[in-house]
N, C-alpha and C. Protein backbone atom coordinates (compact mmCIF):
# COMPACT_ATOMS: atom_id res chain seq x y z
N MET A 1 8.00 -15.40 11.31
CA MET A 1 7.92 -14.15 12.04
C MET A 1 8.19 -12.98 11.11
N ASP A 2 9.21 -13.10 10.24
CA ASP A 2 9.53 -12.01 9.32
C ASP A 2 8.36 -11.74 8.37
N LEU A 3 7.63 -12.77 7.99
CA LEU A 3 6.48 -12.59 7.11
C LEU A 3 5.39 -11.79 7.81
N GLN A 4 5.16 -12.05 9.08
CA GLN A 4 4.15 -11.32 9.84
C GLN A 4 4.53 -9.85 9.96
N ILE A 5 5.78 -9.56 10.22
CA ILE A 5 6.24 -8.17 10.34
C ILE A 5 6.11 -7.47 9.00
N SER A 6 6.48 -8.17 7.92
CA SER A 6 6.38 -7.58 6.58
C SER A 6 4.94 -7.27 6.23
N VAL A 7 4.04 -8.20 6.51
CA VAL A 7 2.61 -7.97 6.23
C VAL A 7 2.09 -6.81 7.07
N PHE A 8 2.47 -6.75 8.34
CA PHE A 8 2.04 -5.66 9.21
C PHE A 8 2.54 -4.31 8.69
N LEU A 9 3.80 -4.24 8.28
CA LEU A 9 4.35 -2.99 7.76
C LEU A 9 3.67 -2.58 6.46
N LEU A 10 3.39 -3.54 5.58
CA LEU A 10 2.67 -3.23 4.35
C LEU A 10 1.26 -2.72 4.65
N PHE A 11 0.60 -3.33 5.64
CA PHE A 11 -0.73 -2.88 6.05
C PHE A 11 -0.69 -1.43 6.53
N ILE A 12 0.28 -1.12 7.37
CA ILE A 12 0.43 0.25 7.88
C ILE A 12 0.70 1.21 6.72
N LEU A 13 1.55 0.81 5.81
CA LEU A 13 1.89 1.67 4.67
C LEU A 13 0.67 1.98 3.82
N PHE A 14 -0.15 0.96 3.52
CA PHE A 14 -1.28 1.15 2.62
C PHE A 14 -2.50 1.75 3.30
N THR A 15 -2.59 1.64 4.61
CA THR A 15 -3.75 2.21 5.29
C THR A 15 -3.46 3.58 5.88
N ALA A 16 -2.23 4.01 5.85
CA ALA A 16 -1.92 5.35 6.35
C ALA A 16 -2.65 6.37 5.48
N GLY A 17 -3.18 7.43 6.10
CA GLY A 17 -3.95 8.42 5.36
C GLY A 17 -3.11 9.12 4.30
N HIS A 18 -3.72 9.28 3.16
CA HIS A 18 -3.07 10.02 2.07
C HIS A 18 -3.47 11.49 2.20
N SER A 19 -2.52 12.36 2.27
CA SER A 19 -2.80 13.78 2.36
C SER A 19 -2.99 14.34 0.96
N LEU A 20 -4.05 15.08 0.79
CA LEU A 20 -4.35 15.72 -0.47
C LEU A 20 -3.35 16.86 -0.70
N SER A 21 -2.94 17.05 -1.94
CA SER A 21 -2.09 18.21 -2.25
C SER A 21 -2.82 19.05 -3.29
N CYS A 22 -2.77 20.37 -3.08
CA CYS A 22 -3.48 21.32 -3.94
C CYS A 22 -2.56 22.47 -4.31
N TYR A 23 -2.90 23.12 -5.40
CA TYR A 23 -2.20 24.36 -5.73
C TYR A 23 -2.68 25.45 -4.78
N GLU A 24 -1.76 26.37 -4.47
CA GLU A 24 -2.06 27.47 -3.57
C GLU A 24 -1.62 28.77 -4.22
N CYS A 25 -2.48 29.76 -4.17
CA CYS A 25 -2.09 31.10 -4.60
C CYS A 25 -3.08 32.10 -4.06
N ASN A 26 -2.63 33.30 -3.83
CA ASN A 26 -3.45 34.44 -3.45
C ASN A 26 -3.19 35.52 -4.48
N GLY A 27 -3.88 35.41 -5.60
CA GLY A 27 -3.67 36.34 -6.71
C GLY A 27 -4.46 37.61 -6.53
N LEU A 28 -3.99 38.46 -5.64
CA LEU A 28 -4.69 39.72 -5.37
C LEU A 28 -4.60 40.69 -6.53
N THR A 29 -3.75 40.39 -7.50
CA THR A 29 -3.63 41.24 -8.69
C THR A 29 -4.33 40.60 -9.89
N GLY A 30 -5.11 39.53 -9.67
CA GLY A 30 -5.85 38.89 -10.74
C GLY A 30 -5.12 37.78 -11.45
N SER A 31 -3.98 37.36 -10.94
CA SER A 31 -3.20 36.31 -11.59
C SER A 31 -2.70 35.31 -10.55
N CYS A 32 -2.64 34.05 -10.95
CA CYS A 32 -2.06 33.02 -10.10
C CYS A 32 -0.71 32.56 -10.63
N ALA A 33 -0.01 33.46 -11.30
CA ALA A 33 1.34 33.13 -11.76
C ALA A 33 2.20 32.86 -10.52
N GLY A 34 3.00 31.85 -10.59
CA GLY A 34 3.86 31.51 -9.46
C GLY A 34 3.16 30.69 -8.39
N GLN A 35 2.05 30.03 -8.74
CA GLN A 35 1.35 29.22 -7.76
C GLN A 35 2.24 28.07 -7.28
N THR A 36 2.05 27.65 -6.06
CA THR A 36 2.85 26.58 -5.48
C THR A 36 1.94 25.42 -5.09
N VAL A 37 2.54 24.27 -4.82
CA VAL A 37 1.79 23.10 -4.37
C VAL A 37 1.98 22.98 -2.87
N LYS A 38 0.88 22.69 -2.16
CA LYS A 38 0.97 22.49 -0.72
C LYS A 38 0.25 21.22 -0.32
N THR A 39 0.70 20.62 0.76
CA THR A 39 0.01 19.47 1.33
C THR A 39 -1.07 20.00 2.25
N CYS A 40 -2.28 19.53 2.04
CA CYS A 40 -3.43 20.04 2.80
C CYS A 40 -3.41 19.53 4.23
N PRO A 41 -3.90 20.34 5.15
CA PRO A 41 -4.00 19.88 6.54
C PRO A 41 -5.11 18.84 6.67
N SER A 42 -5.09 18.08 7.74
CA SER A 42 -6.13 17.08 7.94
C SER A 42 -7.48 17.79 8.03
N GLY A 43 -8.49 17.17 7.49
CA GLY A 43 -9.81 17.77 7.45
C GLY A 43 -10.12 18.45 6.14
N SER A 44 -9.11 18.71 5.33
CA SER A 44 -9.33 19.30 4.01
C SER A 44 -9.44 18.17 3.00
N SER A 45 -10.59 18.11 2.34
CA SER A 45 -10.83 17.03 1.39
C SER A 45 -11.05 17.55 -0.03
N LYS A 46 -10.92 18.84 -0.23
CA LYS A 46 -11.16 19.45 -1.54
C LYS A 46 -10.05 20.42 -1.89
N CYS A 47 -9.82 20.57 -3.19
CA CYS A 47 -9.01 21.66 -3.72
C CYS A 47 -9.98 22.65 -4.34
N MET A 48 -9.72 23.94 -4.16
CA MET A 48 -10.64 24.94 -4.69
C MET A 48 -9.90 25.99 -5.49
N SER A 49 -10.63 26.56 -6.43
CA SER A 49 -10.19 27.74 -7.18
C SER A 49 -11.32 28.75 -7.11
N LEU A 50 -11.02 29.98 -6.74
CA LEU A 50 -12.02 31.04 -6.66
C LEU A 50 -11.59 32.21 -7.53
N THR A 51 -12.55 32.83 -8.18
CA THR A 51 -12.31 34.07 -8.89
C THR A 51 -13.37 35.06 -8.43
N ALA A 52 -12.97 36.19 -7.90
CA ALA A 52 -13.88 37.24 -7.47
C ALA A 52 -13.57 38.50 -8.26
N ILE A 53 -14.60 39.11 -8.81
CA ILE A 53 -14.44 40.33 -9.59
C ILE A 53 -15.40 41.38 -9.03
N THR A 54 -14.87 42.55 -8.71
CA THR A 54 -15.68 43.67 -8.26
C THR A 54 -15.46 44.84 -9.20
N GLN A 55 -16.57 45.43 -9.66
CA GLN A 55 -16.49 46.56 -10.57
C GLN A 55 -17.25 47.72 -9.96
N ALA A 56 -16.57 48.48 -9.16
CA ALA A 56 -17.16 49.67 -8.55
C ALA A 56 -16.38 50.88 -9.11
N GLU A 57 -15.90 51.75 -8.24
CA GLU A 57 -15.10 52.88 -8.71
C GLU A 57 -13.84 52.40 -9.41
N ILE A 58 -13.26 51.32 -8.88
CA ILE A 58 -12.14 50.67 -9.54
C ILE A 58 -12.48 49.20 -9.68
N SER A 59 -11.97 48.57 -10.72
CA SER A 59 -12.21 47.14 -10.93
C SER A 59 -11.11 46.33 -10.26
N VAL A 60 -11.52 45.29 -9.56
CA VAL A 60 -10.57 44.43 -8.86
C VAL A 60 -10.90 42.98 -9.20
N LYS A 61 -9.87 42.22 -9.58
CA LYS A 61 -10.02 40.78 -9.82
C LYS A 61 -9.07 40.04 -8.89
N VAL A 62 -9.62 39.08 -8.15
CA VAL A 62 -8.83 38.29 -7.20
C VAL A 62 -9.00 36.82 -7.56
N LYS A 63 -7.89 36.09 -7.59
CA LYS A 63 -7.91 34.64 -7.82
C LYS A 63 -7.26 33.97 -6.63
N ILE A 64 -7.93 32.97 -6.10
CA ILE A 64 -7.43 32.25 -4.93
C ILE A 64 -7.51 30.76 -5.21
N LYS A 65 -6.46 30.04 -4.83
CA LYS A 65 -6.44 28.58 -4.88
C LYS A 65 -5.94 28.08 -3.54
N ASP A 66 -6.56 27.00 -3.04
CA ASP A 66 -6.15 26.48 -1.74
C ASP A 66 -6.86 25.16 -1.45
N CYS A 67 -6.56 24.59 -0.28
CA CYS A 67 -7.27 23.43 0.24
C CYS A 67 -8.54 23.92 0.93
N ALA A 68 -9.54 23.06 1.02
CA ALA A 68 -10.78 23.44 1.70
C ALA A 68 -11.42 22.21 2.33
N PRO A 69 -12.03 22.38 3.50
CA PRO A 69 -12.74 21.26 4.10
C PRO A 69 -14.03 20.93 3.33
N ALA A 70 -14.62 21.95 2.72
CA ALA A 70 -15.84 21.78 1.91
C ALA A 70 -15.82 22.88 0.87
N CYS A 71 -16.54 22.66 -0.20
CA CYS A 71 -16.50 23.63 -1.30
C CYS A 71 -17.71 23.39 -2.19
N GLN A 72 -18.21 24.42 -2.82
CA GLN A 72 -19.34 24.32 -3.75
C GLN A 72 -18.90 24.81 -5.13
N ASN A 73 -19.21 24.05 -6.18
CA ASN A 73 -19.05 24.54 -7.54
C ASN A 73 -20.23 25.47 -7.81
N GLY A 74 -19.95 26.65 -8.32
CA GLY A 74 -21.05 27.56 -8.64
C GLY A 74 -20.60 29.00 -8.65
N SER A 75 -21.57 29.89 -8.79
CA SER A 75 -21.24 31.31 -8.82
C SER A 75 -22.39 32.15 -8.29
N MET A 76 -22.04 33.38 -7.91
CA MET A 76 -22.99 34.40 -7.47
C MET A 76 -22.66 35.68 -8.22
N ASN A 77 -23.68 36.45 -8.51
CA ASN A 77 -23.50 37.69 -9.26
C ASN A 77 -24.39 38.75 -8.64
N PHE A 78 -23.78 39.77 -8.03
CA PHE A 78 -24.51 40.85 -7.38
C PHE A 78 -24.47 42.15 -8.18
N GLY A 79 -24.29 42.05 -9.48
CA GLY A 79 -24.25 43.23 -10.32
C GLY A 79 -22.89 43.88 -10.35
N ILE A 80 -22.42 44.37 -9.21
CA ILE A 80 -21.10 45.00 -9.18
C ILE A 80 -20.01 44.01 -8.78
N SER A 81 -20.40 42.83 -8.31
CA SER A 81 -19.39 41.84 -7.93
C SER A 81 -19.88 40.43 -8.26
N THR A 82 -18.93 39.59 -8.68
CA THR A 82 -19.23 38.19 -8.96
C THR A 82 -18.20 37.31 -8.24
N LEU A 83 -18.62 36.12 -7.90
CA LEU A 83 -17.74 35.14 -7.27
C LEU A 83 -18.02 33.80 -7.91
N THR A 84 -16.98 33.18 -8.45
CA THR A 84 -17.10 31.86 -9.07
C THR A 84 -16.15 30.91 -8.37
N SER A 85 -16.66 29.73 -8.01
CA SER A 85 -15.80 28.73 -7.36
C SER A 85 -15.85 27.41 -8.12
N SER A 86 -14.71 26.75 -8.09
CA SER A 86 -14.57 25.44 -8.73
C SER A 86 -13.88 24.53 -7.72
N CYS A 87 -14.43 23.33 -7.52
CA CYS A 87 -13.91 22.42 -6.51
C CYS A 87 -13.63 21.05 -7.11
N CYS A 88 -12.66 20.35 -6.54
CA CYS A 88 -12.30 19.01 -6.98
C CYS A 88 -11.65 18.28 -5.82
N ASP A 89 -11.44 16.97 -5.97
CA ASP A 89 -10.96 16.20 -4.82
C ASP A 89 -9.82 15.24 -5.13
N THR A 90 -9.00 15.57 -6.13
CA THR A 90 -7.81 14.76 -6.39
C THR A 90 -6.57 15.66 -6.31
N ASP A 91 -5.41 15.04 -6.16
CA ASP A 91 -4.17 15.80 -6.01
C ASP A 91 -3.98 16.80 -7.15
N GLN A 92 -3.72 18.04 -6.78
CA GLN A 92 -3.37 19.14 -7.69
C GLN A 92 -4.39 19.32 -8.82
N CYS A 93 -5.64 19.03 -8.54
CA CYS A 93 -6.68 19.14 -9.56
C CYS A 93 -7.12 20.58 -9.79
N ASN A 94 -6.70 21.51 -8.95
CA ASN A 94 -7.09 22.91 -9.10
C ASN A 94 -6.05 23.73 -9.86
N VAL A 95 -5.38 23.11 -10.80
CA VAL A 95 -4.37 23.81 -11.59
C VAL A 95 -5.01 24.92 -12.43
N GLN A 96 -6.24 24.70 -12.91
CA GLN A 96 -6.93 25.72 -13.69
C GLN A 96 -7.62 26.72 -12.77
N ASP A 97 -7.70 27.97 -13.22
CA ASP A 97 -8.45 28.99 -12.49
C ASP A 97 -9.94 28.66 -12.57
N ALA A 98 -10.70 29.16 -11.60
CA ALA A 98 -12.17 29.04 -11.68
C ALA A 98 -12.61 29.73 -12.96
N PRO A 99 -13.53 29.14 -13.69
CA PRO A 99 -13.92 29.72 -14.97
C PRO A 99 -14.62 31.07 -14.81
N GLU A 100 -14.42 31.92 -15.79
CA GLU A 100 -15.15 33.19 -15.82
C GLU A 100 -16.36 32.95 -16.70
N PRO A 101 -17.54 32.83 -16.08
CA PRO A 101 -18.73 32.43 -16.83
C PRO A 101 -19.22 33.51 -17.80
N VAL A 102 -19.97 33.05 -18.80
CA VAL A 102 -20.55 33.94 -19.81
C VAL A 102 -22.05 34.08 -19.55
N PRO A 103 -22.67 35.16 -20.03
CA PRO A 103 -24.11 35.36 -19.82
C PRO A 103 -24.92 34.17 -20.34
N ASN A 104 -25.98 33.81 -19.59
CA ASN A 104 -26.80 32.65 -19.96
C ASN A 104 -28.23 33.03 -20.37
N GLY A 105 -28.56 34.33 -20.43
CA GLY A 105 -29.88 34.76 -20.85
C GLY A 105 -30.86 35.04 -19.72
N LYS A 106 -30.59 34.56 -18.53
CA LYS A 106 -31.47 34.80 -17.38
C LYS A 106 -31.17 36.17 -16.78
N LYS A 107 -32.18 36.82 -16.20
CA LYS A 107 -32.00 38.13 -15.58
C LYS A 107 -32.61 38.14 -14.19
N CYS A 108 -31.98 38.88 -13.29
CA CYS A 108 -32.47 39.06 -11.93
C CYS A 108 -32.27 40.52 -11.54
N TYR A 109 -32.94 40.94 -10.46
CA TYR A 109 -32.71 42.27 -9.91
C TYR A 109 -31.46 42.24 -9.03
N TYR A 110 -30.79 43.39 -8.95
CA TYR A 110 -29.70 43.55 -7.99
C TYR A 110 -29.77 44.94 -7.38
N CYS A 111 -29.10 45.11 -6.26
CA CYS A 111 -29.12 46.38 -5.53
C CYS A 111 -27.80 47.12 -5.69
N ASP A 112 -27.91 48.44 -5.81
CA ASP A 112 -26.73 49.28 -5.65
C ASP A 112 -27.00 50.14 -4.43
N GLU A 113 -26.25 51.21 -4.24
CA GLU A 113 -26.43 52.03 -3.04
C GLU A 113 -27.73 52.82 -3.03
N LYS A 114 -28.41 52.92 -4.19
CA LYS A 114 -29.62 53.74 -4.29
C LYS A 114 -30.90 52.94 -4.46
N SER A 115 -30.82 51.80 -5.13
CA SER A 115 -32.04 51.11 -5.52
C SER A 115 -31.81 49.62 -5.70
N CYS A 116 -32.90 48.86 -5.61
CA CYS A 116 -32.86 47.42 -5.88
C CYS A 116 -33.66 47.09 -7.13
N SER A 117 -33.83 48.06 -8.01
CA SER A 117 -34.60 47.82 -9.23
C SER A 117 -33.71 47.71 -10.46
N ASN A 118 -32.42 47.55 -10.26
CA ASN A 118 -31.48 47.35 -11.36
C ASN A 118 -31.55 45.90 -11.82
N THR A 119 -31.25 45.65 -13.09
CA THR A 119 -31.23 44.27 -13.58
C THR A 119 -29.80 43.85 -13.93
N VAL A 120 -29.54 42.57 -13.70
CA VAL A 120 -28.24 42.00 -13.99
C VAL A 120 -28.44 40.75 -14.83
N SER A 121 -27.55 40.53 -15.78
CA SER A 121 -27.57 39.31 -16.59
C SER A 121 -26.84 38.22 -15.83
N CYS A 122 -27.51 37.10 -15.63
CA CYS A 122 -26.90 35.98 -14.91
C CYS A 122 -25.85 35.31 -15.80
N LEU A 123 -24.90 34.65 -15.15
CA LEU A 123 -23.75 34.07 -15.84
C LEU A 123 -23.65 32.57 -15.59
N GLY A 124 -23.12 31.87 -16.56
CA GLY A 124 -22.80 30.45 -16.39
C GLY A 124 -23.94 29.63 -15.84
N THR A 125 -23.73 29.00 -14.68
CA THR A 125 -24.72 28.11 -14.06
C THR A 125 -25.68 28.84 -13.13
N GLU A 126 -25.66 30.16 -13.12
CA GLU A 126 -26.56 30.93 -12.25
C GLU A 126 -27.98 30.81 -12.79
N ASP A 127 -28.76 29.92 -12.19
CA ASP A 127 -30.11 29.65 -12.65
C ASP A 127 -31.19 30.07 -11.65
N HIS A 128 -30.79 30.76 -10.59
CA HIS A 128 -31.71 31.24 -9.56
C HIS A 128 -31.47 32.73 -9.30
N CYS A 129 -32.53 33.41 -8.85
CA CYS A 129 -32.40 34.78 -8.35
C CYS A 129 -32.41 34.69 -6.83
N ILE A 130 -31.66 35.59 -6.18
CA ILE A 130 -31.62 35.58 -4.72
C ILE A 130 -31.97 36.95 -4.16
N LYS A 131 -32.48 36.92 -2.95
CA LYS A 131 -32.74 38.14 -2.17
C LYS A 131 -32.50 37.77 -0.72
N ALA A 132 -31.61 38.50 -0.06
CA ALA A 132 -31.29 38.22 1.34
C ALA A 132 -31.29 39.51 2.13
N THR A 133 -31.73 39.43 3.38
CA THR A 133 -31.69 40.55 4.31
C THR A 133 -30.87 40.13 5.52
N VAL A 134 -29.93 40.97 5.88
CA VAL A 134 -29.07 40.67 7.02
C VAL A 134 -29.15 41.84 8.00
N ALA A 135 -29.29 41.52 9.27
CA ALA A 135 -29.26 42.53 10.32
C ALA A 135 -27.88 42.50 10.96
N TYR A 136 -27.24 43.67 11.06
CA TYR A 136 -25.91 43.74 11.64
C TYR A 136 -25.73 45.10 12.30
N GLY A 137 -25.34 45.12 13.55
CA GLY A 137 -25.08 46.37 14.25
C GLY A 137 -26.28 47.31 14.29
N GLY A 138 -27.48 46.75 14.40
CA GLY A 138 -28.68 47.58 14.46
C GLY A 138 -29.20 48.04 13.11
N GLN A 139 -28.51 47.71 12.04
CA GLN A 139 -28.97 48.06 10.70
C GLN A 139 -29.24 46.80 9.92
N SER A 140 -30.10 46.93 8.92
CA SER A 140 -30.32 45.79 8.03
C SER A 140 -29.94 46.19 6.62
N ALA A 141 -29.54 45.23 5.86
CA ALA A 141 -29.13 45.47 4.48
C ALA A 141 -29.74 44.40 3.59
N VAL A 142 -30.04 44.76 2.36
CA VAL A 142 -30.63 43.85 1.39
C VAL A 142 -29.64 43.66 0.25
N VAL A 143 -29.53 42.42 -0.21
CA VAL A 143 -28.71 42.12 -1.37
C VAL A 143 -29.53 41.25 -2.32
N LYS A 144 -29.37 41.49 -3.61
CA LYS A 144 -30.08 40.71 -4.63
C LYS A 144 -29.12 40.39 -5.74
N GLY A 145 -29.44 39.36 -6.50
CA GLY A 145 -28.61 39.00 -7.64
C GLY A 145 -28.93 37.62 -8.15
N CYS A 146 -27.97 37.03 -8.85
CA CYS A 146 -28.09 35.69 -9.43
C CYS A 146 -27.21 34.72 -8.64
N ALA A 147 -27.60 33.45 -8.66
CA ALA A 147 -26.77 32.42 -8.01
C ALA A 147 -27.04 31.07 -8.63
N SER A 148 -26.05 30.20 -8.55
CA SER A 148 -26.21 28.80 -8.94
C SER A 148 -27.05 28.09 -7.90
N LYS A 149 -27.73 27.02 -8.30
CA LYS A 149 -28.54 26.25 -7.36
C LYS A 149 -27.70 25.74 -6.19
N SER A 150 -26.46 25.32 -6.46
CA SER A 150 -25.60 24.80 -5.39
C SER A 150 -25.32 25.87 -4.34
N VAL A 151 -25.18 27.12 -4.77
CA VAL A 151 -24.95 28.22 -3.82
C VAL A 151 -26.22 28.47 -3.01
N CYS A 152 -27.38 28.43 -3.67
CA CYS A 152 -28.65 28.59 -2.95
C CYS A 152 -28.81 27.52 -1.89
N ASP A 153 -28.52 26.28 -2.25
CA ASP A 153 -28.66 25.18 -1.29
C ASP A 153 -27.73 25.36 -0.10
N ALA A 154 -26.50 25.80 -0.34
CA ALA A 154 -25.53 25.99 0.75
C ALA A 154 -25.89 27.19 1.61
N THR A 155 -26.37 28.27 1.00
CA THR A 155 -26.66 29.51 1.72
C THR A 155 -27.92 29.40 2.55
N ALA A 156 -28.86 28.55 2.15
CA ALA A 156 -30.12 28.42 2.87
C ALA A 156 -29.91 28.00 4.32
N SER A 157 -28.78 27.35 4.62
CA SER A 157 -28.53 26.88 5.98
C SER A 157 -27.76 27.88 6.83
N VAL A 158 -27.43 29.06 6.28
CA VAL A 158 -26.68 30.07 7.02
C VAL A 158 -27.64 30.84 7.92
N SER A 159 -27.37 30.89 9.21
CA SER A 159 -28.29 31.52 10.16
C SER A 159 -28.12 33.03 10.26
N ASP A 160 -27.15 33.62 9.58
CA ASP A 160 -26.92 35.06 9.67
C ASP A 160 -27.97 35.87 8.93
N PHE A 161 -28.77 35.25 8.09
CA PHE A 161 -29.75 35.97 7.29
C PHE A 161 -31.06 36.11 8.06
N ALA A 162 -31.58 37.36 8.12
CA ALA A 162 -32.90 37.57 8.70
C ALA A 162 -33.95 36.97 7.78
N SER A 163 -33.72 37.06 6.48
CA SER A 163 -34.58 36.39 5.50
C SER A 163 -33.72 36.04 4.29
N PHE A 164 -34.10 34.95 3.64
CA PHE A 164 -33.35 34.50 2.48
C PHE A 164 -34.32 33.89 1.49
N LEU A 165 -34.27 34.35 0.24
CA LEU A 165 -35.12 33.83 -0.82
C LEU A 165 -34.26 33.44 -1.99
N CYS A 166 -34.49 32.26 -2.49
CA CYS A 166 -33.82 31.78 -3.69
C CYS A 166 -34.93 31.26 -4.59
N CYS A 167 -35.10 31.86 -5.77
CA CYS A 167 -36.24 31.51 -6.62
C CYS A 167 -35.79 31.29 -8.06
N GLU A 168 -36.63 30.58 -8.81
CA GLU A 168 -36.36 30.34 -10.22
C GLU A 168 -37.31 31.21 -11.04
N GLY A 169 -36.85 31.66 -12.18
CA GLY A 169 -37.66 32.50 -13.05
C GLY A 169 -37.04 33.88 -13.15
N ASN A 170 -37.10 34.46 -14.33
CA ASN A 170 -36.54 35.79 -14.54
C ASN A 170 -37.17 36.81 -13.60
N MET A 171 -36.33 37.61 -12.97
CA MET A 171 -36.73 38.73 -12.14
C MET A 171 -37.65 38.34 -10.96
N CYS A 172 -37.56 37.11 -10.48
CA CYS A 172 -38.45 36.65 -9.42
C CYS A 172 -38.07 37.19 -8.04
N ASN A 173 -36.96 37.93 -7.94
CA ASN A 173 -36.51 38.42 -6.63
C ASN A 173 -36.97 39.85 -6.34
N GLY A 174 -37.99 40.36 -7.06
CA GLY A 174 -38.64 41.64 -6.75
C GLY A 174 -37.76 42.86 -6.92
N ALA A 175 -38.42 44.03 -7.11
CA ALA A 175 -37.70 45.29 -7.35
C ALA A 175 -38.12 46.35 -6.35
N GLN A 176 -37.70 46.22 -5.10
CA GLN A 176 -38.00 47.23 -4.10
C GLN A 176 -36.75 48.04 -3.83
N SER A 177 -36.94 49.27 -3.41
CA SER A 177 -35.77 50.12 -3.17
C SER A 177 -35.14 49.79 -1.82
N VAL A 178 -33.90 50.20 -1.69
CA VAL A 178 -33.14 49.92 -0.47
C VAL A 178 -32.26 51.12 -0.17
N SER A 179 -32.08 51.42 1.11
CA SER A 179 -31.22 52.53 1.47
C SER A 179 -30.18 52.12 2.51
N GLN A 180 -30.02 50.83 2.72
CA GLN A 180 -29.07 50.35 3.71
C GLN A 180 -27.68 50.21 3.11
N SER A 181 -26.79 49.70 3.92
CA SER A 181 -25.39 49.58 3.55
C SER A 181 -25.18 48.37 2.64
N PHE A 182 -25.37 48.57 1.36
CA PHE A 182 -25.29 47.50 0.37
C PHE A 182 -23.88 46.93 0.23
N LEU A 183 -22.90 47.79 0.10
CA LEU A 183 -21.54 47.32 -0.12
C LEU A 183 -21.04 46.48 1.05
N PHE A 184 -21.43 46.86 2.28
CA PHE A 184 -21.05 46.08 3.45
C PHE A 184 -21.56 44.66 3.35
N LEU A 185 -22.82 44.50 2.95
CA LEU A 185 -23.41 43.18 2.86
C LEU A 185 -22.75 42.36 1.76
N CYS A 186 -22.47 42.97 0.62
CA CYS A 186 -21.81 42.23 -0.46
C CYS A 186 -20.47 41.69 0.01
N CYS A 187 -19.71 42.52 0.69
CA CYS A 187 -18.40 42.08 1.19
C CYS A 187 -18.57 40.96 2.21
N SER A 188 -19.59 41.05 3.06
CA SER A 188 -19.83 40.00 4.05
C SER A 188 -20.18 38.69 3.38
N LEU A 189 -21.06 38.73 2.37
CA LEU A 189 -21.41 37.50 1.67
C LEU A 189 -20.23 36.89 0.94
N LEU A 190 -19.44 37.73 0.26
CA LEU A 190 -18.26 37.22 -0.43
C LEU A 190 -17.29 36.59 0.56
N SER A 191 -17.10 37.24 1.71
CA SER A 191 -16.21 36.69 2.73
C SER A 191 -16.70 35.34 3.22
N TYR A 192 -18.01 35.22 3.40
CA TYR A 192 -18.56 33.94 3.87
C TYR A 192 -18.20 32.83 2.89
N PHE A 193 -18.40 33.08 1.58
CA PHE A 193 -18.14 32.02 0.61
C PHE A 193 -16.64 31.78 0.42
N LEU A 194 -15.82 32.77 0.65
CA LEU A 194 -14.38 32.57 0.55
C LEU A 194 -13.86 31.74 1.71
N LEU A 195 -14.46 31.91 2.89
CA LEU A 195 -13.93 31.29 4.09
C LEU A 195 -14.65 30.01 4.50
N HIS A 196 -15.78 29.66 3.87
CA HIS A 196 -16.52 28.46 4.27
C HIS A 196 -16.50 27.44 3.18
C-alpha cells in the first residue's frame, strides 16, 4: 500500500504543471536596471523583451520585459519609431534586452505628418515593406515602413486594418502623400504589438 501511495505522489509531483518564470521590467527611462523575476500566470508560455524607440520632438526609449501568451521575434520601423521584440520559452531566458538592430541595406517608404514619400533604412531582420490603412472615428490613417516577415505574418490576421500590404523589394510600399493622423496610427500599432 505504501508503494502505491509513493508512486501516486511521485506521479502528481512530476505531472504538476511547471510555471514559467521570466524577468519583468518596465524601463520607461530606457533601462531595465533593477529587473525582477516573476512567475508567469497560466496561459503564458513565452518570455519577452521589447525595445521601443521614438524619435520625434523628443527621443524616448522604452524597454519592457514580461511573460506573454504569444510573442513574435522581429521588428518594425516606421521612420520615427521602431519596435523590436525578442521571445523565448525557458525560465528567465529574457535576461538580455531585445537587440537594437543595425541597418541591413533595404529601404522602404514611411509617412510623417506631411507626406508618405520619405525613405527609411530597414534594420536587422526587417526584410519587408508595409503599408496599412486604418479607419478610426470616421477618419483613416496610413502608415508605412519596414517589418520582419514574422511581423507581417502576425499582422495580416488583424481585422482592424481597412487594408494591409506587406511586400518584398526595396520601396515596394509606394510613395503617396497622406494628410491623416499619422502619429495616432503609429501609437495604435505599437500598442497592438506591445499588448498582443
